[in-house]
Amino acid sequence: MGKIEGILLQMKHNAADVRFTDLCKVCDFYFDKSRITGSSHRIYKTPWYGDPRVNIQNNKGKAKAYQVKQVLKAIARLELNHGAEE
């Protein structure tokens, strides 16, 4: 998980400078494989009720900063819920 942790640190430090492929690796790790809709978007299912998805988009090889922040928020929620279950 060392590479994922490094990407997460970069995401937290500078959300505007994250490669789309790196964001995909993080999402694949935390949310399993994406449901690809045939467009530039990738959609990941989350385990909670409500808006149960993470949606990311390739923007010329970079991830959009607001989507990086949404992924970080979803990961924090996932880790909080996972910690409560144990």
PDB file of N, CA and C in Angstrom:
ATOM      1  N   MET A   1       0.824  -1.199   0.000  1.00  0.00           N
ATOM      2  CA  MET A   1       0.000   0.000   0.000  1.00  0.00           C
ATOM      3  C   MET A   1       0.862   1.254   0.000  1.00  0.00           C
ATOM      4  N   GLY A   2       2.156   1.148  -0.038  1.00  0.00           N
ATOM      5  CA  GLY A   2       3.047   2.295   0.005  1.00  0.00           C
ATOM      6  C   GLY A   2       2.793   3.295  -1.109  1.00  0.00           C
ATOM      7  N   LYS A   3       2.561   2.800  -2.323  1.00  0.00           N
ATOM      8  CA  LYS A   3       2.309   3.695  -3.447  1.00  0.00           C
ATOM      9  C   LYS A   3       0.992   4.445  -3.257  1.00  0.00           C
ATOM     10  N   ILE A   4      -0.035   3.768  -2.770  1.00  0.00           N
ATOM     11  CA  ILE A   4      -1.332   4.401  -2.536  1.00  0.00           C
ATOM     12  C   ILE A   4      -1.184   5.502  -1.488  1.00  0.00           C
ATOM     13  N   GLU A   5      -0.449   5.224  -0.423  1.00  0.00           N
ATOM     14  CA  GLU A   5      -0.243   6.236   0.615  1.00  0.00           C
ATOM     15  C   GLU A   5       0.460   7.466   0.054  1.00  0.00           C
ATOM     16  N   GLY A   6       1.427   7.260  -0.829  1.00  0.00           N
ATOM     17  CA  GLY A   6       2.133   8.377  -1.452  1.00  0.00           C
ATOM     18  C   GLY A   6       1.211   9.227  -2.311  1.00  0.00           C
ATOM     19  N   ILE A   7       0.349   8.558  -3.060  1.00  0.00           N
ATOM     20  CA  ILE A   7      -0.608   9.284  -3.891  1.00  0.00           C
ATOM     21  C   ILE A   7      -1.576  10.060  -3.009  1.00  0.00           C
ATOM     22  N   LEU A   8      -2.034   9.436  -1.918  1.00  0.00           N
ATOM     23  CA  LEU A   8      -2.948  10.130  -0.998  1.00  0.00           C
ATOM     24  C   LEU A   8      -2.300  11.380  -0.408  1.00  0.00           C
ATOM     25  N   LEU A   9      -1.036  11.285  -0.041  1.00  0.00           N
ATOM     26  CA  LEU A   9      -0.335  12.466   0.477  1.00  0.00           C
ATOM     27  C   LEU A   9      -0.288  13.570  -0.570  1.00  0.00           C
ATOM     28  N   GLN A  10      -0.001  13.197  -1.805  1.00  0.00           N
ATOM     29  CA  GLN A  10       0.026  14.188  -2.873  1.00  0.00           C
ATOM     30  C   GLN A  10      -1.360  14.804  -3.066  1.00  0.00           C
ATOM     31  N   MET A  11      -2.399  13.972  -3.019  1.00  0.00           N
ATOM     32  CA  MET A  11      -3.766  14.465  -3.182  1.00  0.00           C
ATOM     33  C   MET A  11      -4.114  15.472  -2.098  1.00  0.00           C
ATOM     34  N   LYS A  12      -3.721  15.178  -0.862  1.00  0.00           N
ATOM     35  CA  LYS A  12      -4.011  16.080   0.255  1.00  0.00           C
ATOM     36  C   LYS A  12      -3.205  17.367   0.159  1.00  0.00           C
ATOM     37  N   HIS A  13      -1.986  17.262  -0.336  1.00  0.00           N
ATOM     38  CA  HIS A  13      -1.095  18.424  -0.424  1.00  0.00           C
ATOM     39  C   HIS A  13      -1.485  19.362  -1.563  1.00  0.00           C
ATOM     40  N   ASN A  14      -1.843  18.793  -2.725  1.00  0.00           N
ATOM     41  CA  ASN A  14      -2.149  19.618  -3.885  1.00  0.00           C
ATOM     42  C   ASN A  14      -3.179  18.909  -4.759  1.00  0.00           C
ATOM     43  N   ALA A  15      -4.442  19.135  -4.490  1.00  0.00           N
ATOM     44  CA  ALA A  15      -5.527  18.462  -5.200  1.00  0.00           C
ATOM     45  C   ALA A  15      -5.583  18.846  -6.680  1.00  0.00           C
ATOM     46  N   ALA A  16      -5.011  19.974  -7.032  1.00  0.00           N
ATOM     47  CA  ALA A  16      -5.064  20.441  -8.424  1.00  0.00           C
ATOM     48  C   ALA A  16      -4.005  19.791  -9.311  1.00  0.00           C
ATOM     49  N   ASP A  17      -3.071  19.060  -8.726  1.00  0.00           N
ATOM     50  CA  ASP A  17      -1.983  18.478  -9.513  1.00  0.00           C
ATOM     51  C   ASP A  17      -1.891  16.969  -9.305  1.00  0.00           C
ATOM     52  N   VAL A  18      -3.005  16.284  -9.574  1.00  0.00           N
ATOM     53  CA  VAL A  18      -3.067  14.827  -9.425  1.00  0.00           C
ATOM     54  C   VAL A  18      -3.348  14.226 -10.793  1.00  0.00           C
ATOM     55  N   ARG A  19      -2.536  13.252 -11.163  1.00  0.00           N
ATOM     56  CA  ARG A  19      -2.778  12.578 -12.438  1.00  0.00           C
ATOM     57  C   ARG A  19      -4.036  11.729 -12.328  1.00  0.00           C
ATOM     58  N   PHE A  20      -4.785  11.687 -13.418  1.00  0.00           N
ATOM     59  CA  PHE A  20      -6.022  10.911 -13.443  1.00  0.00           C
ATOM     60  C   PHE A  20      -5.743   9.437 -13.174  1.00  0.00           C
ATOM     61  N   THR A  21      -4.658   8.913 -13.733  1.00  0.00           N
ATOM     62  CA  THR A  21      -4.330   7.494 -13.527  1.00  0.00           C
ATOM     63  C   THR A  21      -4.037   7.205 -12.060  1.00  0.00           C
ATOM     64  N   ASP A  22      -3.410   8.153 -11.362  1.00  0.00           N
ATOM     65  CA  ASP A  22      -3.152   7.971  -9.932  1.00  0.00           C
ATOM     66  C   ASP A  22      -4.457   7.977  -9.139  1.00  0.00           C
ATOM     67  N   LEU A  23      -5.364   8.875  -9.498  1.00  0.00           N
ATOM     68  CA  LEU A  23      -6.657   8.913  -8.812  1.00  0.00           C
ATOM     69  C   LEU A  23      -7.426   7.618  -9.053  1.00  0.00           C
ATOM     70  N   CYS A  24      -7.324   7.070 -10.252  1.00  0.00           N
ATOM     71  CA  CYS A  24      -7.968   5.782 -10.559  1.00  0.00           C
ATOM     72  C   CYS A  24      -7.401   4.671  -9.688  1.00  0.00           C
ATOM     73  N   LYS A  25      -6.086   4.653  -9.494  1.00  0.00           N
ATOM     74  CA  LYS A  25      -5.455   3.635  -8.644  1.00  0.00           C
ATOM     75  C   LYS A  25      -5.987   3.709  -7.221  1.00  0.00           C
ATOM     76  N   VAL A  26      -6.113   4.923  -6.694  1.00  0.00           N
ATOM     77  CA  VAL A  26      -6.627   5.105  -5.336  1.00  0.00           C
ATOM     78  C   VAL A  26      -8.080   4.643  -5.259  1.00  0.00           C
ATOM     79  N   CYS A  27      -8.886   5.045  -6.225  1.00  0.00           N
ATOM     80  CA  CYS A  27     -10.300   4.649  -6.220  1.00  0.00           C
ATOM     81  C   CYS A  27     -10.461   3.150  -6.393  1.00  0.00           C
ATOM     82  N   ASP A  28      -9.651   2.543  -7.267  1.00  0.00           N
ATOM     83  CA  ASP A  28      -9.707   1.082  -7.431  1.00  0.00           C
ATOM     84  C   ASP A  28      -9.373   0.380  -6.114  1.00  0.00           C
ATOM     85  N   PHE A  29      -8.406   0.923  -5.373  1.00  0.00           N
ATOM     86  CA  PHE A  29      -7.991   0.324  -4.108  1.00  0.00           C
ATOM     87  C   PHE A  29      -9.099   0.421  -3.059  1.00  0.00           C
ATOM     88  N   TYR A  30      -9.720   1.577  -2.932  1.00  0.00           N
ATOM     89  CA  TYR A  30     -10.714   1.788  -1.879  1.00  0.00           C
ATOM     90  C   TYR A  30     -12.128   1.365  -2.263  1.00  0.00           C
ATOM     91  N   PHE A  31     -12.488   1.483  -3.543  1.00  0.00           N
ATOM     92  CA  PHE A  31     -13.882   1.257  -3.955  1.00  0.00           C
ATOM     93  C   PHE A  31     -14.047   0.138  -4.969  1.00  0.00           C
ATOM     94  N   ASP A  32     -13.025  -0.653  -5.215  1.00  0.00           N
ATOM     95  CA  ASP A  32     -13.030  -1.716  -6.226  1.00  0.00           C
ATOM     96  C   ASP A  32     -13.039  -1.114  -7.626  1.00  0.00           C
ATOM     97  N   LYS A  33     -13.265  -1.941  -8.606  1.00  0.00           N
ATOM     98  CA  LYS A  33     -13.217  -1.479  -9.996  1.00  0.00           C
ATOM     99  C   LYS A  33     -14.390  -0.557 -10.310  1.00  0.00           C
ATOM    100  N   SER A  34     -14.159   0.320 -11.263  1.00  0.00           N
ATOM    101  CA  SER A  34     -15.185   1.303 -11.622  1.00  0.00           C
ATOM    102  C   SER A  34     -16.197   0.723 -12.583  1.00  0.00           C
ATOM    103  N   ARG A  35     -17.283   1.403 -12.636  1.00  0.00           N
ATOM    104  CA  ARG A  35     -18.308   1.131 -13.635  1.00  0.00           C
ATOM    105  C   ARG A  35     -18.078   2.204 -14.700  1.00  0.00           C
ATOM    106  N   ILE A  36     -17.495   1.826 -15.807  1.00  0.00           N
ATOM    107  CA  ILE A  36     -17.151   2.795 -16.847  1.00  0.00           C
ATOM    108  C   ILE A  36     -18.354   2.981 -17.766  1.00  0.00           C
ATOM    109  N   THR A  37     -18.727   4.245 -17.985  1.00  0.00           N
ATOM    110  CA  THR A  37     -19.935   4.540 -18.743  1.00  0.00           C
ATOM    111  C   THR A  37     -19.673   4.759 -20.224  1.00  0.00           C
ATOM    112  N   GLY A  38     -18.452   4.573 -20.689  1.00  0.00           N
ATOM    113  CA  GLY A  38     -18.152   4.778 -22.099  1.00  0.00           C
ATOM    114  C   GLY A  38     -17.789   6.210 -22.425  1.00  0.00           C
ATOM    115  N   SER A  39     -17.663   7.025 -21.407  1.00  0.00           N
ATOM    116  CA  SER A  39     -17.258   8.410 -21.614  1.00  0.00           C
ATOM    117  C   SER A  39     -15.948   8.643 -20.875  1.00  0.00           C
ATOM    118  N   SER A  40     -15.632   9.883 -20.613  1.00  0.00           N
ATOM    119  CA  SER A  40     -14.396  10.188 -19.894  1.00  0.00           C
ATOM    120  C   SER A  40     -14.563  10.015 -18.387  1.00  0.00           C
ATOM    121  N   HIS A  41     -15.755   9.640 -17.947  1.00  0.00           N
ATOM    122  CA  HIS A  41     -16.040   9.480 -16.519  1.00  0.00           C
ATOM    123  C   HIS A  41     -15.815   8.050 -16.060  1.00  0.00           C
ATOM    124  N   ARG A  42     -15.466   7.905 -14.787  1.00  0.00           N
ATOM    125  CA  ARG A  42     -15.425   6.602 -14.114  1.00  0.00           C
ATOM    126  C   ARG A  42     -16.272   6.745 -12.859  1.00  0.00           C
ATOM    127  N   ILE A  43     -17.108   5.777 -12.618  1.00  0.00           N
ATOM    128  CA  ILE A  43     -18.020   5.827 -11.480  1.00  0.00           C
ATOM    129  C   ILE A  43     -17.730   4.645 -10.576  1.00  0.00           C
ATOM    130  N   TYR A  44     -17.527   4.947  -9.297  1.00  0.00           N
ATOM    131  CA  TYR A  44     -17.234   3.938  -8.285  1.00  0.00           C
ATOM    132  C   TYR A  44     -18.368   3.898  -7.276  1.00  0.00           C
ATOM    133  N   LYS A  45     -18.775   2.692  -6.900  1.00  0.00           N
ATOM    134  CA  LYS A  45     -19.837   2.508  -5.917  1.00  0.00           C
ATOM    135  C   LYS A  45     -19.254   2.590  -4.515  1.00  0.00           C
ATOM    136  N   THR A  46     -19.994   3.212  -3.610  1.00  0.00           N
ATOM    137  CA  THR A  46     -19.601   3.295  -2.206  1.00  0.00           C
ATOM    138  C   THR A  46     -20.571   2.464  -1.365  1.00  0.00           C
ATOM    139  N   PRO A  47     -20.167   2.025  -0.185  1.00  0.00           N
ATOM    140  CA  PRO A  47     -20.988   1.099   0.595  1.00  0.00           C
ATOM    141  C   PRO A  47     -22.088   1.744   1.445  1.00  0.00           C
ATOM    142  N   TRP A  48     -22.273   3.037   1.384  1.00  0.00           N
ATOM    143  CA  TRP A  48     -23.284   3.658   2.236  1.00  0.00           C
ATOM    144  C   TRP A  48     -24.511   4.074   1.442  1.00  0.00           C
ATOM    145  N   TYR A  49     -25.604   4.277   2.168  1.00  0.00           N
ATOM    146  CA  TYR A  49     -26.879   4.675   1.584  1.00  0.00           C
ATOM    147  C   TYR A  49     -26.830   6.162   1.253  1.00  0.00           C
ATOM    148  N   GLY A  50     -27.596   6.552   0.303  1.00  0.00           N
ATOM    149  CA  GLY A  50     -27.615   7.953  -0.108  1.00  0.00           C
ATOM    150  C   GLY A  50     -27.008   8.055  -1.491  1.00  0.00           C
ATOM    151  N   ASP A  51     -26.131   8.990  -1.689  1.00  0.00           N
ATOM    152  CA  ASP A  51     -25.480   9.151  -2.983  1.00  0.00           C
ATOM    153  C   ASP A  51     -24.323   8.154  -3.046  1.00  0.00           C
ATOM    154  N   PRO A  52     -24.598   6.917  -3.428  1.00  0.00           N
ATOM    155  CA  PRO A  52     -23.608   5.848  -3.295  1.00  0.00           C
ATOM    156  C   PRO A  52     -22.630   5.751  -4.461  1.00  0.00           C
ATOM    157  N   ARG A  53     -21.966   6.873  -4.778  1.00  0.00           N
ATOM    158  CA  ARG A  53     -21.005   6.779  -5.861  1.00  0.00           C
ATOM    159  C   ARG A  53     -19.942   7.859  -5.763  1.00  0.00           C
ATOM    160  N   VAL A  54     -18.832   7.550  -6.372  1.00  0.00           N
ATOM    161  CA  VAL A  54     -17.745   8.509  -6.548  1.00  0.00           C
ATOM    162  C   VAL A  54     -17.568   8.626  -8.054  1.00  0.00           C
ATOM    163  N   ASN A  55     -17.624   9.830  -8.561  1.00  0.00           N
ATOM    164  CA  ASN A  55     -17.541  10.074  -9.994  1.00  0.00           C
ATOM    165  C   ASN A  55     -16.286  10.891 -10.278  1.00  0.00           C
ATOM    166  N   ILE A  56     -15.395  10.362 -11.128  1.00  0.00           N
ATOM    167  CA  ILE A  56     -14.182  11.096 -11.484  1.00  0.00           C
ATOM    168  C   ILE A  56     -14.104  11.227 -12.997  1.00  0.00           C
ATOM    169  N   GLN A  57     -13.356  12.228 -13.446  1.00  0.00           N
ATOM    170  CA  GLN A  57     -13.299  12.528 -14.868  1.00  0.00           C
ATOM    171  C   GLN A  57     -11.879  12.876 -15.282  1.00  0.00           C
ATOM    172  N   ASN A  58     -11.482  12.369 -16.445  1.00  0.00           N
ATOM    173  CA  ASN A  58     -10.167  12.656 -17.000  1.00  0.00           C
ATOM    174  C   ASN A  58     -10.220  14.017 -17.692  1.00  0.00           C
ATOM    175  N   ASN A  59      -9.325  14.907 -17.287  1.00  0.00           N
ATOM    176  CA  ASN A  59      -9.253  16.240 -17.868  1.00  0.00           C
ATOM    177  C   ASN A  59      -7.840  16.452 -18.425  1.00  0.00           C
ATOM    178  N   LYS A  60      -7.620  15.939 -19.640  1.00  0.00           N
ATOM    179  CA  LYS A  60      -6.309  16.040 -20.304  1.00  0.00           C
ATOM    180  C   LYS A  60      -5.196  15.407 -19.468  1.00  0.00           C
ATOM    181  N   GLY A  61      -5.494  14.246 -18.892  1.00  0.00           N
ATOM    182  CA  GLY A  61      -4.497  13.517 -18.109  1.00  0.00           C
ATOM    183  C   GLY A  61      -4.474  13.858 -16.633  1.00  0.00           C
ATOM    184  N   LYS A  62      -5.161  14.893 -16.242  1.00  0.00           N
ATOM    185  CA  LYS A  62      -5.215  15.314 -14.835  1.00  0.00           C
ATOM    186  C   LYS A  62      -6.607  15.044 -14.273  1.00  0.00           C
ATOM    187  N   ALA A  63      -6.670  14.910 -12.968  1.00  0.00           N
ATOM    188  CA  ALA A  63      -7.952  14.785 -12.284  1.00  0.00           C
ATOM    189  C   ALA A  63      -8.427  16.187 -11.920  1.00  0.00           C
ATOM    190  N   LYS A  64      -9.716  16.373 -11.905  1.00  0.00           N
ATOM    191  CA  LYS A  64     -10.265  17.677 -11.511  1.00  0.00           C
ATOM    192  C   LYS A  64     -10.127  17.822  -9.995  1.00  0.00           C
ATOM    193  N   ALA A  65      -9.706  18.995  -9.557  1.00  0.00           N
ATOM    194  CA  ALA A  65      -9.403  19.227  -8.142  1.00  0.00           C
ATOM    195  C   ALA A  65     -10.614  18.973  -7.256  1.00  0.00           C
ATOM    196  N   TYR A  66     -11.797  19.419  -7.666  1.00  0.00           N
ATOM    197  CA  TYR A  66     -12.967  19.220  -6.814  1.00  0.00           C
ATOM    198  C   TYR A  66     -13.310  17.737  -6.693  1.00  0.00           C
ATOM    199  N   GLN A  67     -13.020  16.956  -7.719  1.00  0.00           N
ATOM    200  CA  GLN A  67     -13.278  15.521  -7.647  1.00  0.00           C
ATOM    201  C   GLN A  67     -12.251  14.825  -6.765  1.00  0.00           C
ATOM    202  N   VAL A  68     -11.017  15.304  -6.769  1.00  0.00           N
ATOM    203  CA  VAL A  68      -9.993  14.773  -5.865  1.00  0.00           C
ATOM    204  C   VAL A  68     -10.441  15.001  -4.423  1.00  0.00           C
ATOM    205  N   LYS A  69     -10.951  16.178  -4.134  1.00  0.00           N
ATOM    206  CA  LYS A  69     -11.430  16.493  -2.784  1.00  0.00           C
ATOM    207  C   LYS A  69     -12.617  15.618  -2.412  1.00  0.00           C
ATOM    208  N   GLN A  70     -13.507  15.340  -3.366  1.00  0.00           N
ATOM    209  CA  GLN A  70     -14.645  14.456  -3.100  1.00  0.00           C
ATOM    210  C   GLN A  70     -14.176  13.038  -2.791  1.00  0.00           C
ATOM    211  N   VAL A  71     -13.161  12.574  -3.504  1.00  0.00           N
ATOM    212  CA  VAL A  71     -12.601  11.239  -3.257  1.00  0.00           C
ATOM    213  C   VAL A  71     -11.989  11.185  -1.868  1.00  0.00           C
ATOM    214  N   LEU A  72     -11.238  12.208  -1.489  1.00  0.00           N
ATOM    215  CA  LEU A  72     -10.636  12.250  -0.151  1.00  0.00           C
ATOM    216  C   LEU A  72     -11.714  12.223   0.932  1.00  0.00           C
ATOM    217  N   LYS A  73     -12.789  12.945   0.706  1.00  0.00           N
ATOM    218  CA  LYS A  73     -13.901  12.971   1.671  1.00  0.00           C
ATOM    219  C   LYS A  73     -14.563  11.588   1.762  1.00  0.00           C
ATOM    220  N   ALA A  74     -14.743  10.931   0.630  1.00  0.00           N
ATOM    221  CA  ALA A  74     -15.342   9.592   0.619  1.00  0.00           C
ATOM    222  C   ALA A  74     -14.438   8.577   1.309  1.00  0.00           C
ATOM    223  N   ILE A  75     -13.133   8.690   1.102  1.00  0.00           N
ATOM    224  CA  ILE A  75     -12.188   7.785   1.764  1.00  0.00           C
ATOM    225  C   ILE A  75     -12.214   8.003   3.273  1.00  0.00           C
ATOM    226  N   ALA A  76     -12.272   9.262   3.704  1.00  0.00           N
ATOM    227  CA  ALA A  76     -12.351   9.556   5.139  1.00  0.00           C
ATOM    228  C   ALA A  76     -13.622   8.960   5.735  1.00  0.00           C
ATOM    229  N   ARG A  77     -14.723   9.079   5.028  1.00  0.00           N
ATOM    230  CA  ARG A  77     -15.985   8.508   5.513  1.00  0.00           C
ATOM    231  C   ARG A  77     -15.911   6.982   5.557  1.00  0.00           C
ATOM    232  N   LEU A  78     -15.307   6.393   4.536  1.00  0.00           N
ATOM    233  CA  LEU A  78     -15.149   4.945   4.484  1.00  0.00           C
ATOM    234  C   LEU A  78     -14.304   4.452   5.654  1.00  0.00           C
ATOM    235  N   GLU A  79     -13.189   5.142   5.920  1.00  0.00           N
ATOM    236  CA  GLU A  79     -12.313   4.748   7.027  1.00  0.00           C
ATOM    237  C   GLU A  79     -12.993   4.951   8.376  1.00  0.00           C
ATOM    238  N   LEU A  80     -13.787   6.001   8.517  1.00  0.00           N
ATOM    239  CA  LEU A  80     -14.523   6.244   9.756  1.00  0.00           C
ATOM    240  C   LEU A  80     -15.552   5.145   9.980  1.00  0.00           C
ATOM    241  N   ASN A  81     -16.295   4.792   8.954  1.00  0.00           N
ATOM    242  CA  ASN A  81     -17.308   3.740   9.068  1.00  0.00           C
ATOM    243  C   ASN A  81     -16.666   2.378   9.294  1.00  0.00           C
ATOM    244  N   HIS A  82     -15.555   2.126   8.646  1.00  0.00           N
ATOM    245  CA  HIS A  82     -14.861   0.849   8.791  1.00  0.00           C
ATOM    246  C   HIS A  82     -14.307   0.698  10.214  1.00  0.00           C
ATOM    247  N   GLY A  83     -13.784   1.779  10.749  1.00  0.00           N
ATOM    248  CA  GLY A  83     -13.253   1.748  12.109  1.00  0.00           C
ATOM    249  C   GLY A  83     -14.334   1.538  13.147  1.00  0.00           C
ATOM    250  N   ALA A  84     -15.546   2.022  12.874  1.00  0.00           N
ATOM    251  CA  ALA A  84     -16.657   1.872  13.804  1.00  0.00           C
ATOM    252  C   ALA A  84     -17.170   0.439  13.834  1.00  0.00           C
ATOM    253  N   GLU A  85     -16.996  -0.300  12.720  1.00  0.00           N
ATOM    254  CA  GLU A  85     -17.488  -1.657  12.644  1.00  0.00           C
ATOM    255  C   GLU A  85     -16.616  -2.640  13.404  1.00  0.00           C
ATOM    256  N   GLU A  86     -15.343  -2.325  13.553  1.00  0.00           N
ATOM    257  CA  GLU A  86     -14.434  -3.275  14.196  1.00  0.00           C
ATOM    258  C   GLU A  86     -14.477  -3.191  15.694  1.00  0.00           C
TER     259      GLU A  86
END
